[in-house]
Amino acid sequence: TDTPWASGWFVVSEQARRQNAEASGILAAEPA
């Protein structure tokens, strides 16, 4: 999302991101 880095982030496979399937390719995530 177009939000500040401090709002949280996650690591994802770029292939999954480009296919609008981020949830299937998330490797790690951090909340706000």
PDB file of all heavy atoms in Angstrom:
ATOM      1  N   THR A   1       0.833  -1.198   0.000  1.00  0.00           N
ATOM      2  CA  THR A   1       0.000   0.000   0.000  1.00  0.00           C
ATOM      3  C   THR A   1       0.869   1.249   0.000  1.00  0.00           C
ATOM      4  O   THR A   1       2.001   1.236   0.479  1.00  0.00           O
ATOM      5  CB  THR A   1      -0.930   0.041   1.231  1.00  0.00           C
ATOM      6  OG1 THR A   1      -0.138  -0.134   2.412  1.00  0.00           O
ATOM      7  CG2 THR A   1      -1.969  -1.061   1.163  1.00  0.00           C
ATOM      8  N   ASP A   2       0.347   2.344  -0.548  1.00  0.00           N
ATOM      9  CA  ASP A   2       1.070   3.615  -0.583  1.00  0.00           C
ATOM     10  C   ASP A   2       0.986   4.301   0.767  1.00  0.00           C
ATOM     11  O   ASP A   2       0.360   5.347   0.924  1.00  0.00           O
ATOM     12  CB  ASP A   2       0.485   4.512  -1.676  1.00  0.00           C
ATOM     13  CG  ASP A   2       0.689   3.919  -3.057  1.00  0.00           C
ATOM     14  OD1 ASP A   2       1.763   3.342  -3.279  1.00  0.00           O
ATOM     15  OD2 ASP A   2      -0.214   4.030  -3.899  1.00  0.00           O
ATOM     16  N   THR A   3       1.608   3.704   1.741  1.00  0.00           N
ATOM     17  CA  THR A   3       1.581   4.222   3.108  1.00  0.00           C
ATOM     18  C   THR A   3       3.012   4.329   3.629  1.00  0.00           C
ATOM     19  O   THR A   3       3.938   3.748   3.049  1.00  0.00           O
ATOM     20  CB  THR A   3       0.771   3.295   4.026  1.00  0.00           C
ATOM     21  OG1 THR A   3       1.215   1.937   3.857  1.00  0.00           O
ATOM     22  CG2 THR A   3      -0.719   3.366   3.701  1.00  0.00           C
ATOM     23  N   PRO A   4       3.238   5.064   4.710  1.00  0.00           N
ATOM     24  CA  PRO A   4       4.597   5.192   5.252  1.00  0.00           C
ATOM     25  C   PRO A   4       5.153   3.843   5.689  1.00  0.00           C
ATOM     26  O   PRO A   4       4.413   2.930   6.051  1.00  0.00           O
ATOM     27  CB  PRO A   4       4.397   6.119   6.466  1.00  0.00           C
ATOM     28  CG  PRO A   4       3.140   6.871   6.181  1.00  0.00           C
ATOM     29  CD  PRO A   4       2.266   5.911   5.436  1.00  0.00           C
ATOM     30  N   TRP A   5       6.484   3.713   5.653  1.00  0.00           N
ATOM     31  CA  TRP A   5       7.119   2.478   6.091  1.00  0.00           C
ATOM     32  C   TRP A   5       6.732   2.112   7.521  1.00  0.00           C
ATOM     33  O   TRP A   5       6.584   0.934   7.852  1.00  0.00           O
ATOM     34  CB  TRP A   5       8.636   2.608   5.994  1.00  0.00           C
ATOM     35  CG  TRP A   5       9.177   2.453   4.611  1.00  0.00           C
ATOM     36  CD1 TRP A   5       9.637   3.446   3.787  1.00  0.00           C
ATOM     37  CD2 TRP A   5       9.317   1.232   3.866  1.00  0.00           C
ATOM     38  NE1 TRP A   5      10.053   2.915   2.585  1.00  0.00           N
ATOM     39  CE2 TRP A   5       9.881   1.562   2.604  1.00  0.00           C
ATOM     40  CE3 TRP A   5       9.047  -0.103   4.152  1.00  0.00           C
ATOM     41  CZ2 TRP A   5      10.159   0.596   1.637  1.00  0.00           C
ATOM     42  CZ3 TRP A   5       9.319  -1.063   3.191  1.00  0.00           C
ATOM     43  CH2 TRP A   5       9.862  -0.719   1.954  1.00  0.00           C
ATOM     44  N   ALA A   6       6.562   3.111   8.376  1.00  0.00           N
ATOM     45  CA  ALA A   6       6.249   2.844   9.778  1.00  0.00           C
ATOM     46  C   ALA A   6       4.863   2.251   9.976  1.00  0.00           C
ATOM     47  O   ALA A   6       4.529   1.790  11.067  1.00  0.00           O
ATOM     48  CB  ALA A   6       6.379   4.121  10.607  1.00  0.00           C
ATOM     49  N   SER A   7       4.035   2.247   8.933  1.00  0.00           N
ATOM     50  CA  SER A   7       2.699   1.653   9.057  1.00  0.00           C
ATOM     51  C   SER A   7       2.732   0.136   8.966  1.00  0.00           C
ATOM     52  O   SER A   7       1.710  -0.521   9.129  1.00  0.00           O
ATOM     53  CB  SER A   7       1.768   2.218   7.976  1.00  0.00           C
ATOM     54  OG  SER A   7       2.201   1.819   6.686  1.00  0.00           O
ATOM     55  N   GLY A   8       3.932  -0.417   8.724  1.00  0.00           N
ATOM     56  CA  GLY A   8       4.082  -1.865   8.619  1.00  0.00           C
ATOM     57  C   GLY A   8       4.638  -2.250   7.261  1.00  0.00           C
ATOM     58  O   GLY A   8       4.665  -1.437   6.326  1.00  0.00           O
ATOM     59  N   TRP A   9       5.117  -3.485   7.127  1.00  0.00           N
ATOM     60  CA  TRP A   9       5.665  -3.944   5.855  1.00  0.00           C
ATOM     61  C   TRP A   9       5.649  -5.469   5.797  1.00  0.00           C
ATOM     62  O   TRP A   9       5.403  -6.136   6.799  1.00  0.00           O
ATOM     63  CB  TRP A   9       7.091  -3.429   5.668  1.00  0.00           C
ATOM     64  CG  TRP A   9       8.065  -3.863   6.734  1.00  0.00           C
ATOM     65  CD1 TRP A   9       8.602  -5.112   6.922  1.00  0.00           C
ATOM     66  CD2 TRP A   9       8.624  -3.051   7.772  1.00  0.00           C
ATOM     67  NE1 TRP A   9       9.452  -5.125   7.994  1.00  0.00           N
ATOM     68  CE2 TRP A   9       9.500  -3.877   8.542  1.00  0.00           C
ATOM     69  CE3 TRP A   9       8.511  -1.708   8.131  1.00  0.00           C
ATOM     70  CZ2 TRP A   9      10.210  -3.395   9.632  1.00  0.00           C
ATOM     71  CZ3 TRP A   9       9.216  -1.237   9.215  1.00  0.00           C
ATOM     72  CH2 TRP A   9      10.063  -2.068   9.952  1.00  0.00           C
ATOM     73  N   PHE A  10       5.898  -5.999   4.620  1.00  0.00           N
ATOM     74  CA  PHE A  10       6.088  -7.444   4.504  1.00  0.00           C
ATOM     75  C   PHE A  10       7.038  -7.761   3.351  1.00  0.00           C
ATOM     76  O   PHE A  10       7.292  -6.939   2.466  1.00  0.00           O
ATOM     77  CB  PHE A  10       4.770  -8.214   4.373  1.00  0.00           C
ATOM     78  CG  PHE A  10       3.909  -7.861   3.187  1.00  0.00           C
ATOM     79  CD1 PHE A  10       4.282  -8.208   1.896  1.00  0.00           C
ATOM     80  CD2 PHE A  10       2.697  -7.208   3.361  1.00  0.00           C
ATOM     81  CE1 PHE A  10       3.488  -7.909   0.810  1.00  0.00           C
ATOM     82  CE2 PHE A  10       1.891  -6.890   2.290  1.00  0.00           C
ATOM     83  CZ  PHE A  10       2.285  -7.243   1.001  1.00  0.00           C
ATOM     84  N   VAL A  11       7.581  -8.975   3.401  1.00  0.00           N
ATOM     85  CA  VAL A  11       8.478  -9.487   2.370  1.00  0.00           C
ATOM     86  C   VAL A  11       7.672 -10.448   1.509  1.00  0.00           C
ATOM     87  O   VAL A  11       7.001 -11.343   2.030  1.00  0.00           O
ATOM     88  CB  VAL A  11       9.685 -10.220   3.002  1.00  0.00           C
ATOM     89  CG1 VAL A  11      10.577 -10.819   1.921  1.00  0.00           C
ATOM     90  CG2 VAL A  11      10.470  -9.269   3.891  1.00  0.00           C
ATOM     91  N   VAL A  12       7.753 -10.279   0.199  1.00  0.00           N
ATOM     92  CA  VAL A  12       6.902 -11.074  -0.682  1.00  0.00           C
ATOM     93  C   VAL A  12       7.653 -11.423  -1.972  1.00  0.00           C
ATOM     94  O   VAL A  12       8.532 -10.682  -2.423  1.00  0.00           O
ATOM     95  CB  VAL A  12       5.601 -10.298  -1.011  1.00  0.00           C
ATOM     96  CG1 VAL A  12       5.916  -9.016  -1.781  1.00  0.00           C
ATOM     97  CG2 VAL A  12       4.615 -11.158  -1.785  1.00  0.00           C
ATOM     98  N   SER A  13       7.296 -12.533  -2.559  1.00  0.00           N
ATOM     99  CA  SER A  13       7.813 -12.896  -3.878  1.00  0.00           C
ATOM    100  C   SER A  13       7.312 -11.868  -4.891  1.00  0.00           C
ATOM    101  O   SER A  13       6.119 -11.559  -4.936  1.00  0.00           O
ATOM    102  CB  SER A  13       7.309 -14.291  -4.259  1.00  0.00           C
ATOM    103  OG  SER A  13       7.398 -14.495  -5.651  1.00  0.00           O
ATOM    104  N   GLU A  14       8.217 -11.315  -5.689  1.00  0.00           N
ATOM    105  CA  GLU A  14       7.810 -10.310  -6.671  1.00  0.00           C
ATOM    106  C   GLU A  14       6.843 -10.883  -7.695  1.00  0.00           C
ATOM    107  O   GLU A  14       5.925 -10.201  -8.156  1.00  0.00           O
ATOM    108  CB  GLU A  14       9.035  -9.728  -7.368  1.00  0.00           C
ATOM    109  CG  GLU A  14       8.732  -8.705  -8.438  1.00  0.00           C
ATOM    110  CD  GLU A  14       7.920  -7.523  -7.943  1.00  0.00           C
ATOM    111  OE1 GLU A  14       7.965  -7.217  -6.734  1.00  0.00           O
ATOM    112  OE2 GLU A  14       7.229  -6.897  -8.771  1.00  0.00           O
ATOM    113  N   GLN A  15       6.999 -12.132  -8.027  1.00  0.00           N
ATOM    114  CA  GLN A  15       6.079 -12.770  -8.969  1.00  0.00           C
ATOM    115  C   GLN A  15       4.663 -12.772  -8.411  1.00  0.00           C
ATOM    116  O   GLN A  15       3.704 -12.473  -9.131  1.00  0.00           O
ATOM    117  CB  GLN A  15       6.532 -14.196  -9.279  1.00  0.00           C
ATOM    118  CG  GLN A  15       5.646 -14.910 -10.305  1.00  0.00           C
ATOM    119  CD  GLN A  15       6.178 -16.288 -10.654  1.00  0.00           C
ATOM    120  OE1 GLN A  15       7.163 -16.742 -10.098  1.00  0.00           O
ATOM    121  NE2 GLN A  15       5.511 -16.960 -11.583  1.00  0.00           N
ATOM    122  N   ALA A  16       4.524 -13.094  -7.139  1.00  0.00           N
ATOM    123  CA  ALA A  16       3.199 -13.087  -6.517  1.00  0.00           C
ATOM    124  C   ALA A  16       2.642 -11.676  -6.452  1.00  0.00           C
ATOM    125  O   ALA A  16       1.447 -11.448  -6.665  1.00  0.00           O
ATOM    126  CB  ALA A  16       3.284 -13.691  -5.111  1.00  0.00           C
ATOM    127  N   ARG A  17       3.486 -10.701  -6.166  1.00  0.00           N
ATOM    128  CA  ARG A  17       3.025  -9.312  -6.080  1.00  0.00           C
ATOM    129  C   ARG A  17       2.512  -8.827  -7.414  1.00  0.00           C
ATOM    130  O   ARG A  17       1.476  -8.155  -7.502  1.00  0.00           O
ATOM    131  CB  ARG A  17       4.157  -8.409  -5.604  1.00  0.00           C
ATOM    132  CG  ARG A  17       3.721  -6.987  -5.241  1.00  0.00           C
ATOM    133  CD  ARG A  17       4.914  -6.112  -4.909  1.00  0.00           C
ATOM    134  NE  ARG A  17       5.604  -5.684  -6.122  1.00  0.00           N
ATOM    135  CZ  ARG A  17       5.278  -4.585  -6.813  1.00  0.00           C
ATOM    136  NH1 ARG A  17       4.271  -3.821  -6.420  1.00  0.00           N
ATOM    137  NH2 ARG A  17       5.955  -4.247  -7.895  1.00  0.00           N
ATOM    138  N   ARG A  18       3.208  -9.182  -8.489  1.00  0.00           N
ATOM    139  CA  ARG A  18       2.804  -8.727  -9.818  1.00  0.00           C
ATOM    140  C   ARG A  18       1.512  -9.392 -10.272  1.00  0.00           C
ATOM    141  O   ARG A  18       0.808  -8.880 -11.138  1.00  0.00           O
ATOM    142  CB  ARG A  18       3.926  -9.004 -10.823  1.00  0.00           C
ATOM    143  CG  ARG A  18       5.185  -8.203 -10.544  1.00  0.00           C
ATOM    144  CD  ARG A  18       6.280  -8.520 -11.541  1.00  0.00           C
ATOM    145  NE  ARG A  18       5.963  -8.012 -12.863  1.00  0.00           N
ATOM    146  CZ  ARG A  18       6.720  -8.233 -13.942  1.00  0.00           C
ATOM    147  NH1 ARG A  18       7.800  -8.990 -13.837  1.00  0.00           N
ATOM    148  NH2 ARG A  18       6.388  -7.722 -15.105  1.00  0.00           N
ATOM    149  N   GLN A  19       1.198 -10.528  -9.690  1.00  0.00           N
ATOM    150  CA  GLN A  19      -0.027 -11.243 -10.048  1.00  0.00           C
ATOM    151  C   GLN A  19      -1.180 -10.927  -9.097  1.00  0.00           C
ATOM    152  O   GLN A  19      -2.198 -11.610  -9.104  1.00  0.00           O
ATOM    153  CB  GLN A  19       0.245 -12.747 -10.055  1.00  0.00           C
ATOM    154  CG  GLN A  19       1.233 -13.187 -11.128  1.00  0.00           C
ATOM    155  CD  GLN A  19       1.599 -14.661 -11.022  1.00  0.00           C
ATOM    156  OE1 GLN A  19       1.272 -15.337 -10.047  1.00  0.00           O
ATOM    157  NE2 GLN A  19       2.287 -15.172 -12.042  1.00  0.00           N
ATOM    158  N   ASN A  20      -0.997  -9.874  -8.273  1.00  0.00           N
ATOM    159  CA  ASN A  20      -2.024  -9.510  -7.277  1.00  0.00           C
ATOM    160  C   ASN A  20      -2.325 -10.661  -6.332  1.00  0.00           C
ATOM    161  O   ASN A  20      -3.457 -10.827  -5.869  1.00  0.00           O
ATOM    162  CB  ASN A  20      -3.326  -9.057  -7.954  1.00  0.00           C
ATOM    163  CG  ASN A  20      -3.171  -7.721  -8.661  1.00  0.00           C
ATOM    164  OD1 ASN A  20      -2.365  -6.890  -8.241  1.00  0.00           O
ATOM    165  ND2 ASN A  20      -3.922  -7.507  -9.723  1.00  0.00           N
ATOM    166  N   ALA A  21      -1.317 -11.467  -6.054  1.00  0.00           N
ATOM    167  CA  ALA A  21      -1.508 -12.620  -5.163  1.00  0.00           C
ATOM    168  C   ALA A  21      -0.504 -12.554  -4.018  1.00  0.00           C
ATOM    169  O   ALA A  21       0.135 -13.540  -3.669  1.00  0.00           O
ATOM    170  CB  ALA A  21      -1.347 -13.908  -5.941  1.00  0.00           C
ATOM    171  N   GLU A  22      -0.396 -11.358  -3.442  1.00  0.00           N
ATOM    172  CA  GLU A  22       0.601 -11.151  -2.395  1.00  0.00           C
ATOM    173  C   GLU A  22       0.473 -12.145  -1.247  1.00  0.00           C
ATOM    174  O   GLU A  22       1.459 -12.651  -0.711  1.00  0.00           O
ATOM    175  CB  GLU A  22       0.507  -9.724  -1.832  1.00  0.00           C
ATOM    176  CG  GLU A  22       1.024  -8.655  -2.764  1.00  0.00           C
ATOM    177  CD  GLU A  22      -0.088  -7.990  -3.549  1.00  0.00           C
ATOM    178  OE1 GLU A  22      -1.064  -8.689  -3.866  1.00  0.00           O
ATOM    179  OE2 GLU A  22       0.035  -6.786  -3.838  1.00  0.00           O
ATOM    180  N   ALA A  23      -0.762 -12.431  -0.855  1.00  0.00           N
ATOM    181  CA  ALA A  23      -0.989 -13.296   0.308  1.00  0.00           C
ATOM    182  C   ALA A  23      -0.343 -14.669   0.142  1.00  0.00           C
ATOM    183  O   ALA A  23       0.110 -15.269   1.113  1.00  0.00           O
ATOM    184  CB  ALA A  23      -2.491 -13.440   0.566  1.00  0.00           C
ATOM    185  N   SER A  24      -0.277 -15.145  -1.089  1.00  0.00           N
ATOM    186  CA  SER A  24       0.283 -16.478  -1.325  1.00  0.00           C
ATOM    187  C   SER A  24       1.803 -16.469  -1.339  1.00  0.00           C
ATOM    188  O   SER A  24       2.429 -17.536  -1.281  1.00  0.00           O
ATOM    189  CB  SER A  24      -0.224 -17.029  -2.663  1.00  0.00           C
ATOM    190  OG  SER A  24       0.262 -16.235  -3.744  1.00  0.00           O
ATOM    191  N   GLY A  25       2.407 -15.285  -1.419  1.00  0.00           N
ATOM    192  CA  GLY A  25       3.853 -15.227  -1.527  1.00  0.00           C
ATOM    193  C   GLY A  25       4.554 -14.510  -0.397  1.00  0.00           C
ATOM    194  O   GLY A  25       5.750 -14.243  -0.472  1.00  0.00           O
ATOM    195  N   ILE A  26       3.823 -14.182   0.681  1.00  0.00           N
ATOM    196  CA  ILE A  26       4.414 -13.456   1.806  1.00  0.00           C
ATOM    197  C   ILE A  26       5.346 -14.374   2.600  1.00  0.00           C
ATOM    198  O   ILE A  26       4.958 -15.469   3.009  1.00  0.00           O
ATOM    199  CB  ILE A  26       3.321 -12.869   2.721  1.00  0.00           C
ATOM    200  CG1 ILE A  26       2.549 -11.766   1.988  1.00  0.00           C
ATOM    201  CG2 ILE A  26       3.934 -12.310   4.004  1.00  0.00           C
ATOM    202  CD1 ILE A  26       1.416 -11.161   2.778  1.00  0.00           C
ATOM    203  N   LEU A  27       6.554 -13.912   2.813  1.00  0.00           N
ATOM    204  CA  LEU A  27       7.556 -14.685   3.541  1.00  0.00           C
ATOM    205  C   LEU A  27       7.703 -14.216   4.982  1.00  0.00           C
ATOM    206  O   LEU A  27       8.075 -15.004   5.857  1.00  0.00           O
ATOM    207  CB  LEU A  27       8.910 -14.585   2.837  1.00  0.00           C
ATOM    208  CG  LEU A  27       8.922 -14.969   1.350  1.00  0.00           C
ATOM    209  CD1 LEU A  27      10.327 -14.797   0.784  1.00  0.00           C
ATOM    210  CD2 LEU A  27       8.445 -16.398   1.168  1.00  0.00           C
ATOM    211  N   ALA A  28       7.448 -12.945   5.237  1.00  0.00           N
ATOM    212  CA  ALA A  28       7.553 -12.380   6.588  1.00  0.00           C
ATOM    213  C   ALA A  28       6.806 -11.061   6.607  1.00  0.00           C
ATOM    214  O   ALA A  28       6.665 -10.400   5.568  1.00  0.00           O
ATOM    215  CB  ALA A  28       9.015 -12.171   6.982  1.00  0.00           C
ATOM    216  N   ALA A  29       6.326 -10.678   7.779  1.00  0.00           N
ATOM    217  CA  ALA A  29       5.564  -9.434   7.895  1.00  0.00           C
ATOM    218  C   ALA A  29       5.777  -8.809   9.269  1.00  0.00           C
ATOM    219  O   ALA A  29       5.999  -9.514  10.252  1.00  0.00           O
ATOM    220  CB  ALA A  29       4.073  -9.693   7.664  1.00  0.00           C
ATOM    221  N   GLU A  30       5.703  -7.484   9.309  1.00  0.00           N
ATOM    222  CA  GLU A  30       5.791  -6.739  10.555  1.00  0.00           C
ATOM    223  C   GLU A  30       4.626  -5.752  10.623  1.00  0.00           C
ATOM    224  O   GLU A  30       4.327  -5.079   9.639  1.00  0.00           O
ATOM    225  CB  GLU A  30       7.111  -5.972  10.650  1.00  0.00           C
ATOM    226  CG  GLU A  30       8.346  -6.839  10.828  1.00  0.00           C
ATOM    227  CD  GLU A  30       8.365  -7.575  12.159  1.00  0.00           C
ATOM    228  OE1 GLU A  30       7.655  -7.135  13.085  1.00  0.00           O
ATOM    229  OE2 GLU A  30       9.089  -8.574  12.265  1.00  0.00           O
ATOM    230  N   PRO A  31       3.970  -5.654  11.776  1.00  0.00           N
ATOM    231  CA  PRO A  31       2.877  -4.691  11.927  1.00  0.00           C
ATOM    232  C   PRO A  31       3.430  -3.275  12.097  1.00  0.00           C
ATOM    233  O   PRO A  31       4.655  -3.056  12.042  1.00  0.00           O
ATOM    234  CB  PRO A  31       2.179  -5.171  13.202  1.00  0.00           C
ATOM    235  CG  PRO A  31       3.288  -5.796  13.999  1.00  0.00           C
ATOM    236  CD  PRO A  31       4.196  -6.451  12.993  1.00  0.00           C
ATOM    237  N   ALA A  32       2.547  -2.338  12.303  1.00  0.00           N
ATOM    238  CA  ALA A  32       2.953  -0.938  12.467  1.00  0.00           C
ATOM    239  C   ALA A  32       3.910  -0.773  13.643  1.00  0.00           C
ATOM    240  O   ALA A  32       3.807  -1.461  14.657  1.00  0.00           O
ATOM    241  CB  ALA A  32       1.719  -0.064  12.669  1.00  0.00           C
TER     242      ALA A  32
END
